[in-house]
Structure formats: structure tokens, C-alpha cells
Amino acid sequence: VQAWIGNRGLYAIGAVSGLADVDAISLSLASMSNAGTTPAATAALAILAAAAVNTAVKAGLAWVICGVRMGLYVTIPLLAAVAAGGVVLWIW
């Protein structure tokens, strides 16, 4: 896949996959990294993209289904989690 679409394509696939699920793309990218076909940093960034999009979907659902108050209760910790993941990736 990476040979056809490059790193940016993997990031895009990660983000699109995050709309529904993070597990499948995480396992696929970890396997690709383990096999040496994808650099670990590329796989980690694509997984972070999937997690960020998945988190945004969950926050959006909380806002739509539960309203503003619950939306805030859900969104703030989720944003903190995604930010922490970004910091860890940046440091790594």
C-alpha cells in the first residue's frame, strides 16, 4: 500500500479508518512496521491520526446524543488524551 500511495496516503487511510474503528488499522500498521515495510514513525503517526478521528467521532456523538453539557464532559478528556498521544509521538 505504501508503495502506491506513500506516507501521506497511509495517514489518510488511518484517518478514514478512524471514522469507524481504530483496532484494525492499528494492527495492520503494527504488522507492516514489524515486517519492515513501513517505518515505525510513519505507522505511529497514522495510528495517531486514526485515534484522533475516532476520538472526534465519539465526542461528536456525545454532543449530538447527550447535549452540550455531556459533550463538554466527554470532549475535554478526549482532547487531553489525543494531545498526550501527540506529545509522546513528538518526543519519540
Protein backbone atom coordinates (compact mmCIF):
# COMPACT_ATOMS: atom_id res chain seq x y z
CA VAL A 1 0.00 0.00 0.00
CA GLN A 2 2.73 2.43 0.95
CA ALA A 3 4.45 1.90 -2.41
CA TRP A 4 1.30 3.03 -4.21
CA ILE A 5 0.22 5.96 -2.08
CA GLY A 6 3.20 6.90 0.11
CA ASN A 7 3.24 8.05 3.70
CA ARG A 8 0.56 10.70 3.24
CA GLY A 9 -1.73 8.05 1.86
CA LEU A 10 -1.19 5.92 4.94
CA TYR A 11 -2.06 8.90 7.12
CA ALA A 12 -5.23 9.45 5.09
CA ILE A 13 -6.17 5.77 5.32
CA GLY A 14 -5.58 5.93 9.06
CA ALA A 15 -7.83 8.95 9.39
CA VAL A 16 -10.61 7.42 7.30
CA SER A 17 -10.35 4.14 9.21
CA GLY A 18 -10.69 6.07 12.45
CA LEU A 19 -14.23 7.04 11.48
CA ALA A 20 -15.36 3.55 12.43
CA ASP A 21 -12.63 1.71 14.32
CA VAL A 22 -9.02 2.03 15.44
CA ASP A 23 -8.20 -1.60 16.15
CA ALA A 24 -7.98 -2.88 12.58
CA ILE A 25 -5.75 -0.10 11.26
CA SER A 26 -3.58 -0.28 14.39
CA LEU A 27 -2.99 -4.00 13.93
CA SER A 28 -2.35 -3.63 10.20
CA LEU A 29 0.16 -0.80 10.62
CA ALA A 30 1.89 -2.53 13.53
CA SER A 31 2.25 -5.63 11.38
CA MET A 32 3.61 -3.57 8.48
CA SER A 33 6.09 -1.88 10.81
CA ASN A 34 7.14 -5.20 12.32
CA ALA A 35 7.70 -6.63 8.84
CA GLY A 36 9.89 -3.65 7.95
CA THR A 37 7.70 -2.40 5.12
CA THR A 38 6.69 0.77 6.97
CA PRO A 39 8.86 2.87 9.28
CA ALA A 40 7.70 2.82 12.90
CA ALA A 41 7.28 6.61 12.99
CA THR A 42 5.02 6.52 9.93
CA ALA A 43 2.90 3.74 11.41
CA ALA A 44 2.67 5.57 14.75
CA LEU A 45 1.55 8.81 13.10
CA ALA A 46 -1.08 7.01 11.02
CA ILE A 47 -2.36 5.27 14.16
CA LEU A 48 -2.48 8.62 15.95
CA ALA A 49 -4.49 10.03 13.04
CA ALA A 50 -6.94 7.14 13.31
CA ALA A 51 -7.22 7.59 17.07
CA ALA A 52 -7.74 11.34 16.75
CA VAL A 53 -10.51 10.95 14.18
CA ASN A 54 -12.14 8.18 16.20
CA THR A 55 -11.99 10.37 19.29
CA ALA A 56 -13.57 13.26 17.38
CA VAL A 57 -16.39 10.98 16.26
CA LYS A 58 -17.01 9.89 19.85
CA ALA A 59 -17.02 13.50 21.05
CA GLY A 60 -19.40 14.48 18.26
CA LEU A 61 -21.76 11.66 19.17
CA ALA A 62 -21.73 12.78 22.79
CA TRP A 63 -22.65 16.32 21.73
CA VAL A 64 -25.42 15.20 19.39
CA ILE A 65 -26.94 12.49 21.57
CA CYS A 66 -26.41 13.88 25.06
CA GLY A 67 -26.25 17.64 24.59
CA VAL A 68 -23.80 20.40 25.36
CA ARG A 69 -23.08 19.63 29.00
CA MET A 70 -22.26 15.96 28.49
CA GLY A 71 -20.48 16.86 25.26
CA LEU A 72 -18.10 19.04 27.23
CA TYR A 73 -17.61 16.36 29.88
CA VAL A 74 -16.63 13.90 27.18
CA THR A 75 -14.70 16.19 24.82
CA ILE A 76 -12.26 17.72 27.29
CA PRO A 77 -10.68 14.45 28.50
CA LEU A 78 -10.69 13.01 24.99
CA LEU A 79 -8.84 16.05 23.66
CA ALA A 80 -6.35 15.74 26.50
CA ALA A 81 -5.77 12.08 25.59
CA VAL A 82 -5.16 12.89 21.92
CA ALA A 83 -2.86 15.76 22.87
CA ALA A 84 -0.90 13.45 25.18
CA GLY A 85 -0.53 10.96 22.34
CA GLY A 86 0.74 13.71 20.07
CA VAL A 87 3.28 14.84 22.69
CA VAL A 88 4.53 11.28 23.15
CA LEU A 89 4.88 10.85 19.39
CA TRP A 90 6.66 14.20 19.10
CA ILE A 91 9.12 13.29 21.88
CA TRP A 92 9.69 9.83 20.44
